[in-house]
Protein backbone atom coordinates (compact mmCIF):
# COMPACT_ATOMS: atom_id res chain seq x y z
CA MET A 1 37.16 27.44 -35.96
CA LEU A 2 34.89 27.28 -38.33
CA LEU A 3 34.01 30.55 -40.41
CA ARG A 4 30.47 30.41 -41.26
CA LEU A 5 32.66 30.40 -41.00
CA LEU A 6 32.41 27.00 -40.90
CA ARG A 7 29.00 26.73 -40.74
CA VAL A 8 19.97 16.99 -56.93
CA VAL A 9 17.27 19.45 -58.35
CA ALA A 10 18.80 21.00 -61.60
CA VAL A 11 17.19 24.00 -61.93
CA LEU A 12 17.83 24.64 -65.60
CA ALA A 13 17.46 22.30 -67.31
CA ALA A 14 20.61 22.90 -69.76
CA VAL A 15 23.83 20.96 -68.60
CA VAL A 16 26.72 23.06 -67.76
CA ALA A 17 28.84 23.75 -70.19
CA LEU A 18 32.60 22.86 -69.11
CA ALA A 19 34.11 23.87 -72.49
CA GLY A 20 36.35 27.14 -73.03
CA PRO A 21 38.70 29.51 -71.37
CA PRO A 22 37.95 30.86 -67.60
CA SER A 23 36.63 34.18 -68.06
CA LEU A 24 34.42 36.84 -66.61
CA VAL A 25 31.96 39.41 -68.26
CA VAL A 26 31.17 42.41 -66.03
CA THR A 27 28.04 44.75 -67.46
CA GLY A 28 26.85 47.53 -65.87
CA MET A 29 23.92 48.57 -68.07
CA SER A 30 21.70 50.73 -65.80
CA SER A 31 18.34 49.09 -64.30
CA ALA A 32 16.35 52.33 -65.22
CA VAL A 33 13.36 50.90 -66.63
CA SER A 34 9.48 52.06 -66.89
CA GLY A 35 7.52 50.47 -64.31
CA CYS A 36 10.79 49.89 -62.01
CA ALA A 37 9.81 51.30 -58.02
CA SER A 38 13.22 51.01 -56.80
CA THR A 39 12.04 51.47 -53.31
CA GLY A 40 13.68 48.78 -51.53
CA HIS A 41 16.58 47.55 -50.09
CA LEU A 42 19.40 47.43 -52.75
CA LEU A 43 20.26 44.29 -52.71
CA ARG A 44 22.34 41.49 -54.38
CA TYR A 45 21.31 38.58 -56.43
CA VAL A 46 22.85 35.39 -57.62
CA VAL A 47 20.81 34.44 -60.75
CA LEU A 48 20.57 31.53 -63.22
CA PHE A 49 20.69 31.58 -67.05
CA GLU A 50 21.66 28.54 -69.37
CA ALA A 51 25.37 27.97 -69.96
CA ALA A 52 26.59 30.16 -72.80
CA THR A 53 23.88 32.82 -72.65
CA PRO A 54 25.54 35.79 -74.21
CA ALA A 55 26.49 38.42 -71.70
CA GLN A 56 24.69 40.98 -73.40
CA ARG A 57 21.38 38.65 -73.25
CA ALA A 58 21.97 37.90 -69.68
CA ALA A 59 22.49 41.97 -68.90
CA ARG A 60 18.66 42.82 -70.87
CA ALA A 61 16.93 40.07 -68.75
CA LEU A 62 18.19 41.44 -65.57
CA GLN A 63 17.19 45.09 -66.66
CA ALA A 64 13.77 44.25 -67.84
CA ALA A 65 13.54 42.83 -64.53
CA CYS A 66 14.69 46.13 -62.75
CA GLY A 67 17.72 44.80 -62.06
CA THR A 68 21.70 45.45 -62.82
CA SER A 69 24.26 43.37 -63.89
CA THR A 70 27.54 43.13 -61.56
CA ALA A 71 29.33 40.31 -62.84
CA TYR A 72 28.40 37.50 -65.46
CA TYR A 73 29.96 33.59 -65.94
CA PRO A 74 29.18 32.60 -69.42
CA GLN A 75 30.47 29.19 -68.88
CA ILE A 76 28.36 28.16 -66.11
CA GLY A 77 25.41 31.00 -66.82
CA VAL A 78 25.86 32.50 -63.84
CA GLY A 79 25.44 35.98 -62.53
CA VAL A 80 25.75 38.32 -59.98
CA ALA A 81 22.58 41.55 -59.81
CA THR A 82 21.74 44.24 -57.78
CA SER A 83 18.45 45.41 -57.76
CA ALA A 84 16.61 48.07 -55.08
CA GLU A 85 13.03 46.52 -56.93
CA PRO A 86 11.07 45.12 -54.56
CA THR A 87 9.80 42.89 -57.01
CA PHE A 88 12.67 41.62 -58.79
CA ARG A 89 12.70 37.96 -58.05
CA THR A 90 9.28 37.72 -58.89
CA ARG A 91 9.86 39.62 -61.77
CA PHE A 92 12.84 37.65 -62.99
CA GLY A 93 12.19 34.16 -61.42
CA SER A 94 12.07 33.03 -58.24
CA ASP A 95 13.60 29.57 -59.37
CA ARG A 96 16.68 31.64 -61.15
CA ALA A 97 17.26 34.48 -58.19
CA TYR A 98 18.30 34.27 -54.89
CA SER A 99 19.09 37.18 -52.24
CA ALA A 100 21.29 35.58 -49.25
CA GLN A 101 21.09 39.35 -47.81
CA ALA A 102 17.05 39.31 -48.12
CA GLU A 103 16.81 36.78 -45.81
CA ALA A 104 17.52 39.00 -42.73
CA LEU A 105 15.01 41.37 -44.26
CA ALA A 106 11.95 38.48 -44.21
CA PHE A 107 12.68 38.11 -40.24
CA PRO A 108 10.20 41.42 -38.87
CA GLN A 109 12.13 41.67 -35.94
CA ARG A 110 15.28 42.78 -38.24
CA ALA A 111 14.25 46.01 -39.99
CA GLU A 112 17.61 46.47 -41.21
CA LEU A 113 20.87 44.32 -42.31
CA ALA A 114 23.24 44.40 -39.29
CA SER A 115 26.97 43.62 -38.82
CA PRO A 116 26.89 39.88 -36.64
CA PRO A 117 29.89 38.71 -34.93
CA ILE A 118 31.66 35.85 -37.07
CA PRO A 119 31.00 32.62 -35.52
CA SER A 120 34.08 30.25 -34.03
CA THR A 121 34.18 27.05 -32.18
CA GLY A 122 38.16 28.54 -31.46
CA ALA A 123 39.49 30.73 -29.39
CA ARG A 124 43.41 32.24 -29.28
CA VAL A 125 44.73 31.23 -26.08
CA PRO A 126 45.72 34.21 -24.19
CA GLY A 127 49.57 35.27 -24.70
CA ALA A 128 50.28 32.90 -27.66
CA ALA A 129 50.28 35.70 -30.27
CA HIS A 130 53.21 38.48 -30.91
CA MET A 131 56.13 36.25 -30.87
CA LEU A 132 57.76 36.99 -34.15
CA GLY A 133 61.04 34.93 -34.86
CA VAL A 134 60.86 32.59 -32.02
CA ASP A 135 60.74 28.94 -33.07
CA ARG A 136 57.37 27.29 -32.36
CA SER A 137 57.84 24.20 -34.36
CA ALA A 138 57.88 22.44 -30.65
CA GLU A 139 54.15 23.05 -30.24
CA GLN A 140 53.09 22.08 -33.61
CA TRP A 141 51.64 18.76 -32.67
CA ASP A 142 49.57 18.23 -35.75
CA MET A 143 52.28 18.43 -37.77
CA GLU A 144 53.97 15.75 -36.44
CA LEU A 145 50.34 13.78 -36.45
CA ILE A 146 50.97 13.61 -40.35
CA ASP A 147 54.70 13.35 -40.43
CA ALA A 148 54.85 16.59 -42.20
CA PRO A 149 58.56 17.40 -40.70
CA ARG A 150 59.72 14.25 -42.32
CA ALA A 151 57.71 15.11 -45.44
CA ARG A 152 59.34 18.35 -46.08
CA THR A 153 63.41 17.40 -45.48
CA ILE A 154 62.30 15.52 -48.89
CA ASN A 155 60.15 17.37 -50.85
CA PRO A 156 59.10 20.97 -49.51
CA GLY A 157 56.70 21.37 -52.19
CA SER A 158 56.69 23.06 -55.54
CA PRO A 159 56.60 27.12 -56.41
CA GLU A 160 54.41 26.16 -59.22
CA VAL A 161 51.66 24.15 -57.18
CA VAL A 162 49.31 27.18 -56.22
CA VAL A 163 46.89 26.67 -53.83
CA GLY A 164 44.20 29.51 -53.16
CA VAL A 165 42.92 29.84 -49.83
CA LEU A 166 38.80 30.96 -50.27
CA ASP A 167 38.86 32.81 -46.77
CA SER A 168 39.20 35.86 -45.15
CA GLY A 169 42.33 37.28 -46.77
CA ILE A 170 45.65 36.24 -45.87
CA ASP A 171 48.13 38.71 -44.49
CA ALA A 172 50.99 38.96 -47.01
CA THR A 173 53.43 41.00 -44.78
CA HIS A 174 53.35 38.40 -42.17
CA PRO A 175 57.50 37.23 -42.53
CA ASP A 176 56.00 33.26 -42.44
CA LEU A 177 53.63 34.00 -45.73
CA ALA A 178 55.54 37.06 -47.13
CA ALA A 179 57.43 34.65 -49.85
CA ALA A 180 54.51 32.45 -50.73
CA VAL A 181 51.61 34.84 -51.35
CA GLU A 182 50.96 35.66 -55.00
CA PRO A 183 49.81 39.52 -55.40
CA ALA A 184 49.24 38.95 -59.13
CA ARG A 185 46.82 35.64 -58.04
CA SER A 186 44.96 36.90 -55.50
CA ALA A 187 41.24 38.88 -55.62
CA GLY A 188 38.62 39.85 -53.18
CA CYS A 189 35.16 38.18 -54.37
CA LEU A 190 32.95 40.75 -52.13
CA SER A 191 30.87 41.85 -54.52
CA GLY A 192 30.79 38.65 -56.99
CA LYS A 193 33.57 39.71 -59.43
CA PRO A 194 37.38 39.70 -59.03
CA ASP A 195 38.97 42.70 -57.31
CA GLN A 196 42.51 42.27 -57.32
CA ALA A 197 43.54 45.45 -55.75
CA ARG A 198 45.24 44.39 -52.41
CA SER A 199 43.03 46.16 -50.09
CA ALA A 200 39.94 43.86 -51.81
CA TRP A 201 42.00 40.08 -50.70
CA SER A 202 43.62 41.39 -47.69
CA PRO A 203 42.08 40.81 -44.25
CA SER A 204 40.18 43.53 -42.11
CA THR A 205 38.11 41.56 -39.15
CA SER A 206 39.17 38.29 -39.32
CA SER A 207 42.76 36.39 -39.08
CA HIS A 208 40.87 33.13 -39.73
CA GLY A 209 42.48 33.15 -43.37
CA THR A 210 45.91 33.61 -42.14
CA HIS A 211 46.11 31.24 -40.39
CA VAL A 212 44.74 28.60 -42.56
CA ALA A 213 47.25 29.90 -44.78
CA GLY A 214 50.28 29.44 -42.60
CA THR A 215 49.11 25.62 -41.59
CA ILE A 216 49.73 24.92 -45.61
CA ALA A 217 52.66 27.03 -46.50
CA ALA A 218 54.44 28.92 -43.65
CA ALA A 219 58.06 28.88 -44.37
CA ASP A 220 60.62 26.73 -43.37
CA ASP A 221 62.99 29.45 -42.05
CA GLY A 222 63.53 28.08 -38.27
CA ARG A 223 61.36 30.74 -37.19
CA GLY A 224 57.85 30.94 -35.99
CA ILE A 225 56.16 27.87 -37.40
CA THR A 226 56.91 25.90 -40.90
CA GLY A 227 53.70 24.79 -42.87
CA VAL A 228 52.79 21.45 -44.45
CA ALA A 229 54.14 22.58 -47.93
CA PRO A 230 56.50 25.62 -47.15
CA GLY A 231 57.42 25.66 -50.62
CA VAL A 232 54.37 25.99 -52.55
CA ARG A 233 52.86 28.99 -53.56
CA LEU A 234 49.43 30.94 -52.21
CA ALA A 235 46.58 32.82 -53.54
CA SER A 236 44.17 34.81 -51.43
CA VAL A 237 40.54 34.66 -52.37
CA LYS A 238 38.80 36.66 -50.19
CA VAL A 239 35.49 34.99 -49.96
CA VAL A 240 34.60 36.57 -46.19
CA ASP A 241 32.47 39.81 -45.95
CA ASP A 242 33.58 42.18 -42.85
CA ASP A 243 30.31 40.06 -41.34
CA GLY A 244 31.35 37.04 -41.68
CA PHE A 245 29.16 36.09 -43.95
CA ILE A 246 29.77 33.88 -47.17
CA TYR A 247 27.34 34.48 -49.64
CA PRO A 248 26.80 32.54 -52.74
CA GLU A 249 28.12 34.97 -55.27
CA TYR A 250 31.26 35.23 -53.31
CA ALA A 251 31.64 31.13 -53.54
CA VAL A 252 30.80 31.21 -56.93
CA CYS A 253 33.31 34.37 -57.62
CA GLY A 254 36.39 32.06 -55.53
CA PHE A 255 35.75 28.78 -57.52
CA MET A 256 35.60 30.67 -60.67
CA TRP A 257 38.45 32.75 -60.15
CA ALA A 258 40.87 29.75 -58.89
CA ALA A 259 39.91 27.86 -62.37
CA ARG A 260 41.11 30.89 -64.14
CA GLN A 261 44.36 31.56 -62.45
CA GLN A 262 45.11 27.30 -62.99
CA MET A 263 45.31 26.96 -58.90
CA ARG A 264 45.86 23.45 -58.17
CA ILE A 265 44.11 23.21 -54.81
CA ALA A 266 41.22 25.33 -53.36
CA ASN A 267 40.94 25.13 -49.64
CA SER A 268 37.41 26.07 -48.33
CA SER A 269 37.38 26.73 -44.43
CA TYR A 270 33.50 27.51 -44.33
CA SER A 271 30.56 26.32 -45.11
CA LEU A 272 28.00 28.37 -47.58
CA ASP A 273 25.52 31.25 -45.61
CA PRO A 274 22.82 32.05 -44.74
CA TRP A 275 22.17 28.27 -44.38
CA LEU A 276 23.93 25.91 -42.42
CA LEU A 277 22.54 22.99 -44.77
CA THR A 278 21.30 24.29 -48.49
CA CYS A 279 18.57 22.15 -49.51
CA SER A 280 18.07 21.84 -53.27
CA ASP A 281 14.81 20.91 -53.12
CA VAL A 282 13.69 24.30 -51.46
CA PRO A 283 13.06 27.55 -53.67
CA GLY A 284 15.73 29.95 -53.09
CA GLN A 285 18.17 27.74 -51.84
CA ALA A 286 18.00 25.75 -55.04
CA VAL A 287 19.35 28.45 -57.25
CA ALA A 288 22.19 29.32 -54.81
CA TYR A 289 22.94 25.49 -54.51
CA GLU A 290 22.97 25.02 -58.43
CA ALA A 291 24.99 28.04 -58.43
CA VAL A 292 27.60 27.08 -56.37
CA ARG A 293 27.95 23.46 -57.99
CA ARG A 294 28.35 24.76 -61.37
CA ALA A 295 31.28 26.97 -60.41
CA VAL A 296 32.66 24.31 -58.07
CA GLN A 297 32.06 21.64 -61.54
CA TYR A 298 33.78 23.84 -63.23
CA ALA A 299 36.65 24.75 -61.49
CA THR A 300 37.08 21.09 -61.22
CA ALA A 301 37.07 20.03 -64.90
CA HIS A 302 39.87 23.04 -65.04
CA GLY A 303 42.20 21.10 -62.63
CA VAL A 304 41.41 22.41 -59.93
CA LEU A 305 41.28 20.23 -56.30
CA SER A 306 38.20 21.18 -53.62
CA ILE A 307 39.42 20.15 -50.42
CA ALA A 308 36.62 21.77 -47.75
CA ALA A 309 35.91 21.70 -44.05
CA ALA A 310 32.82 19.51 -42.79
CA GLY A 311 31.58 21.82 -40.23
CA ASN A 312 31.87 22.08 -36.31
CA GLU A 313 28.13 21.50 -35.71
CA ARG A 314 28.40 17.77 -34.53
CA VAL A 315 25.85 17.06 -37.76
CA ASP A 316 25.69 13.51 -39.35
CA LEU A 317 25.69 14.60 -42.66
CA ALA A 318 24.65 11.39 -44.09
CA ASN A 319 21.52 11.81 -42.02
CA PRO A 320 21.15 15.63 -41.18
CA ARG A 321 17.22 15.66 -39.37
CA GLN A 322 17.24 19.21 -38.14
CA ASP A 323 18.55 23.11 -38.51
CA LEU A 324 18.94 24.98 -35.71
CA ARG A 325 21.36 27.50 -36.99
CA SER A 326 19.73 28.67 -40.28
CA PRO A 327 19.76 31.49 -41.46
CA ASP A 328 22.50 32.72 -39.76
CA ASN A 329 21.71 35.95 -40.72
CA VAL A 330 18.65 36.87 -38.23
CA PRO A 331 18.97 37.04 -35.00
CA GLU A 332 17.13 34.37 -33.87
CA PRO A 333 16.96 31.74 -36.42
CA ARG A 334 14.19 29.30 -36.72
CA PRO A 335 14.61 25.32 -36.29
CA ARG A 336 13.51 23.43 -39.33
CA PRO A 337 13.61 20.04 -40.59
CA VAL A 338 16.02 19.11 -43.56
CA ASP A 339 16.70 16.05 -45.15
CA GLN A 340 18.93 14.10 -47.47
CA HIS A 341 18.52 17.25 -49.99
CA CYS A 342 20.12 19.12 -47.33
CA ASN A 343 23.84 19.60 -47.58
CA VAL A 344 26.95 21.41 -46.06
CA LEU A 345 27.86 23.61 -49.16
CA PRO A 346 31.00 23.04 -50.90
CA ALA A 347 31.93 20.17 -48.85
CA GLU A 348 29.33 17.56 -49.95
CA LEU A 349 29.26 18.66 -53.59
CA PRO A 350 30.50 16.30 -56.02
CA GLY A 351 34.18 16.48 -56.57
CA VAL A 352 35.20 17.81 -53.31
CA VAL A 353 37.18 16.79 -50.44
CA ALA A 354 35.16 16.52 -47.10
CA VAL A 355 37.23 16.68 -44.26
CA SER A 356 36.47 16.18 -40.68
CA ALA A 357 39.06 17.34 -37.27
CA ILE A 358 40.21 14.80 -34.69
CA GLY A 359 42.51 15.79 -31.42
CA ALA A 360 46.03 15.28 -30.43
CA GLN A 361 44.90 12.13 -29.29
CA ARG A 362 43.98 10.80 -32.87
CA VAL A 363 40.48 10.86 -31.93
CA LYS A 364 37.28 12.71 -33.50
CA SER A 365 36.74 16.54 -32.51
CA GLU A 366 34.03 16.69 -30.04
CA TYR A 367 32.30 19.34 -32.52
CA SER A 368 33.25 17.75 -35.57
CA SER A 369 30.64 16.78 -38.09
CA TYR A 370 31.03 13.38 -39.99
CA GLY A 371 29.05 11.24 -42.56
CA SER A 372 29.51 8.16 -43.57
CA GLY A 373 30.45 8.21 -47.37
CA VAL A 374 30.62 12.24 -46.99
CA VAL A 375 33.96 12.38 -45.59
CA ALA A 376 36.83 11.45 -47.45
CA VAL A 377 39.31 11.96 -45.10
CA THR A 378 40.46 13.49 -41.35
CA ALA A 379 43.11 15.75 -40.35
CA PRO A 380 44.11 17.80 -37.19
CA GLY A 381 41.79 20.33 -35.98
CA GLY A 382 42.46 20.32 -32.56
CA ASP A 383 40.07 19.74 -29.48
CA TRP A 384 40.24 21.25 -25.57
CA GLY A 385 39.66 18.03 -24.43
CA GLN A 386 42.84 16.55 -26.58
CA PRO A 387 45.43 17.86 -24.57
CA SER A 388 48.77 17.83 -26.82
CA GLY A 389 51.21 18.28 -24.09
CA VAL A 390 52.91 21.25 -25.49
CA GLY A 391 50.62 23.98 -23.84
CA SER A 392 48.48 24.68 -26.74
CA SER A 393 45.08 24.02 -24.94
CA GLY A 394 44.66 21.03 -27.67
CA CYS A 395 44.22 23.61 -30.40
CA VAL A 396 46.57 24.45 -33.93
CA LEU A 397 49.21 26.70 -33.75
CA SER A 398 49.64 28.86 -37.00
CA THR A 399 49.78 32.22 -38.53
CA VAL A 400 47.55 35.28 -37.24
CA PRO A 401 48.46 39.00 -38.30
CA GLY A 402 50.86 40.27 -36.28
CA GLY A 403 51.92 36.97 -34.73
CA TYR A 404 50.69 33.11 -34.03
CA GLY A 405 47.75 32.09 -32.25
CA PHE A 406 45.52 28.66 -31.60
CA LEU A 407 42.49 28.10 -33.02
CA CYS A 408 40.32 25.06 -33.36
CA GLY A 409 38.33 23.79 -35.84
CA THR A 410 37.32 21.59 -39.42
CA SER A 411 38.60 24.86 -40.47
CA MET A 412 41.87 23.91 -38.90
CA ALA A 413 41.78 20.25 -40.33
CA ALA A 414 41.49 21.09 -44.42
CA PRO A 415 44.43 23.21 -44.70
CA HIS A 416 46.42 20.21 -43.97
CA VAL A 417 44.87 18.27 -46.35
CA SER A 418 45.28 21.22 -48.85
CA GLY A 419 48.85 20.74 -47.69
CA VAL A 420 49.30 17.28 -48.15
CA ALA A 421 47.47 17.85 -51.45
CA ALA A 422 49.57 20.62 -52.57
CA LEU A 423 52.73 18.13 -51.67
CA LEU A 424 51.25 15.50 -53.93
CA ALA A 425 50.59 17.80 -57.12
CA SER A 426 54.54 18.50 -56.34
CA VAL A 427 55.37 15.36 -57.25
CA ARG A 428 52.61 14.42 -59.73
CA PRO A 429 52.48 17.29 -61.84
CA GLU A 430 50.58 15.69 -64.02
CA ALA A 431 47.83 14.40 -62.19
CA GLY A 432 44.20 15.84 -62.05
CA PRO A 433 41.98 16.65 -59.69
CA ARG A 434 40.43 13.21 -59.17
CA GLU A 435 43.64 11.60 -59.30
CA LEU A 436 45.06 13.55 -56.13
CA ALA A 437 41.86 12.89 -54.31
CA THR A 438 42.27 9.12 -55.10
CA LEU A 439 45.86 9.31 -53.63
CA LEU A 440 44.77 11.28 -50.60
CA ARG A 441 42.12 8.45 -49.68
CA SER A 442 44.21 5.23 -50.58
CA GLN A 443 47.63 6.95 -48.58
CA ALA A 444 45.55 7.76 -45.65
CA HIS A 445 46.18 5.92 -42.12
CA PRO A 446 42.48 4.16 -41.34
CA LEU A 447 41.68 5.27 -37.75
CA PRO A 448 39.49 2.90 -35.86
CA CYS A 449 36.00 4.01 -34.27
CA PRO A 450 36.35 5.15 -30.75
CA SER A 451 34.48 3.02 -28.45
CA GLY A 452 31.89 4.28 -25.78
CA SER A 453 30.16 7.60 -25.99
CA VAL A 454 32.19 9.83 -28.17
CA ASP A 455 30.65 13.55 -27.63
CA ARG A 456 30.89 15.10 -24.75
CA ASP A 457 26.94 15.76 -24.25
CA ASP A 458 26.76 11.73 -24.27
CA LEU A 459 24.81 11.42 -27.93
CA ALA A 460 25.99 8.53 -29.27
CA ALA A 461 27.43 9.11 -32.83
CA ALA A 462 27.04 6.31 -34.97
CA CYS A 463 31.12 5.83 -36.39
CA ALA A 464 30.41 2.76 -38.64
CA GLY A 465 30.16 3.71 -42.52
CA GLU A 466 30.87 2.60 -45.75
CA ALA A 467 34.07 4.06 -47.64
CA GLY A 468 35.88 3.79 -44.44
CA ASN A 469 34.03 5.01 -41.20
CA ALA A 470 31.53 7.98 -40.55
CA PHE A 471 33.96 9.86 -38.69
CA TYR A 472 37.31 9.81 -40.46
CA GLY A 473 36.74 8.69 -43.61
CA TYR A 474 39.87 6.69 -45.24
CA GLY A 475 41.84 8.16 -42.35
CA LEU A 476 44.17 10.55 -41.53
CA VAL A 477 46.46 12.11 -44.24
CA ASP A 478 49.94 11.16 -44.45
CA ALA A 479 52.42 14.06 -46.01
CA LEU A 480 55.54 11.41 -45.77
CA ALA A 481 53.71 9.06 -47.95
CA ALA A 482 52.31 12.03 -50.80
CA VAL A 483 56.12 12.40 -51.19
CA THR A 484 57.33 9.06 -51.26
CA ALA A 485 54.63 6.60 -52.35
CA ARG A 486 55.23 5.01 -48.90
CA PRO A 487 52.22 2.71 -48.75
CA ALA A 488 49.44 3.09 -46.26
CA PRO A 489 48.83 0.25 -43.82
CA ALA A 490 46.37 -2.65 -44.98
CA ARG A 491 42.71 -1.85 -44.45
CA SER A 492 41.55 -4.85 -43.05
CA ASP A 493 41.96 -4.12 -39.55
CA SER A 494 39.92 -0.66 -40.35
CA ALA A 495 37.46 -2.96 -41.87
CA ALA A 496 37.22 -5.27 -38.71
CA VAL A 497 36.68 -2.45 -36.53
CA VAL A 498 33.97 -1.35 -38.38
CA ARG A 499 32.41 -4.90 -38.32
CA SER A 500 32.99 -4.68 -34.45
CA TYR A 501 31.19 -1.57 -34.28
CA ARG A 502 28.18 -2.88 -35.77
CA THR A 503 28.27 -5.96 -34.27
CA GLN A 504 27.97 -4.00 -30.48
CA ARG A 505 25.27 -1.59 -31.56
């Protein structure tokens, strides 16, 4: 499942300032300015300033354009504003303001914003939930695949390591998660500014975040399931709204909150909405791209390793051609050509570890996106066509509110990698994001390109590539290697497979 849940041009000349403590400025200046009509829909915008622009100056600029500042992050010059003035974006600068909500209003067949369902490539297996207290570890084929059971007997992870689950919220009452979730470091980001009220970061319409959280750190107590790193702590950072969307301002808030709370890992099992591929050279989208890029860059500079799902659309992210599903907040998206300026965010941003999915047979999941030089590593995400032999239909078992459920997707693969990264951070507390990412790649087990047609619709996918290969990157992550420094297999075999594949092509 991917909460699109799954789904470079600098707009300003200034370089993002990376110094200074993580902070947030919240302002509430009125937008009552002469000449402001305020007759349109009240929309939320992400807005760009030069880094280090003072908060009051930013608020005045928004007010002059008939907007109200909701939140402002001076370290990166990114703010969140609201306005009901139809000309707000033109007044403020179309190259500096963007509203993802407004995309829906741009289509005449949609007169007002509605509540679309949350798309998913995964589904809960009937009867799989509501078995609290029963040991389900025998069904966790995914953990065996990355050697997690043996790893946690050596080191289950340190409680000093906090993993931020940037998702739809975590059910902190679930018995497998109650001891791991840290309310003091959790927040909701659905207004663009962090809200620490428990209701703001708890799940409401989606079990996705709870499922992701269980894969990372469900308790090792002999009941239910066990996560990759049951000894680490979790922070619920809610960036998915009740309609299933992850708009730029939510993501910016999430990454800045992760930096502020000194999280070691941030798991992003989503792609930014409303565009499957956000293009850095398209007006409007360029603003969203730049805002999220700055936030990720800031988080990385402040010690946060970002790990993200590659997507469930079977797209070659290294050579995208067409986007058939965007914007996804309108009833009938129109096909559009795309190119290498268009990326899945945050997975394709610098410093982010992009994760593809495999099934129980160690073959790329049929839905998983891929890309040479894009995918760093792979992990179990499940695949209905690769049965695990334990009654799971090939999907991944984890926690959901009230019990357990099976889901498939790169959303499920990413938290396996976040769990392994949390183990690495536990045994190497001095390691920064770059070192942790390097260790993930160097310890991964290379996987060969599959022979013949891979996708079930018989489209030939190009697996060969640099930096490992396009399907699996450097290979399958290894939890045991993370806690023992066990060397990965020699890469010469993988290189030979790549050369052989190229010859066959």
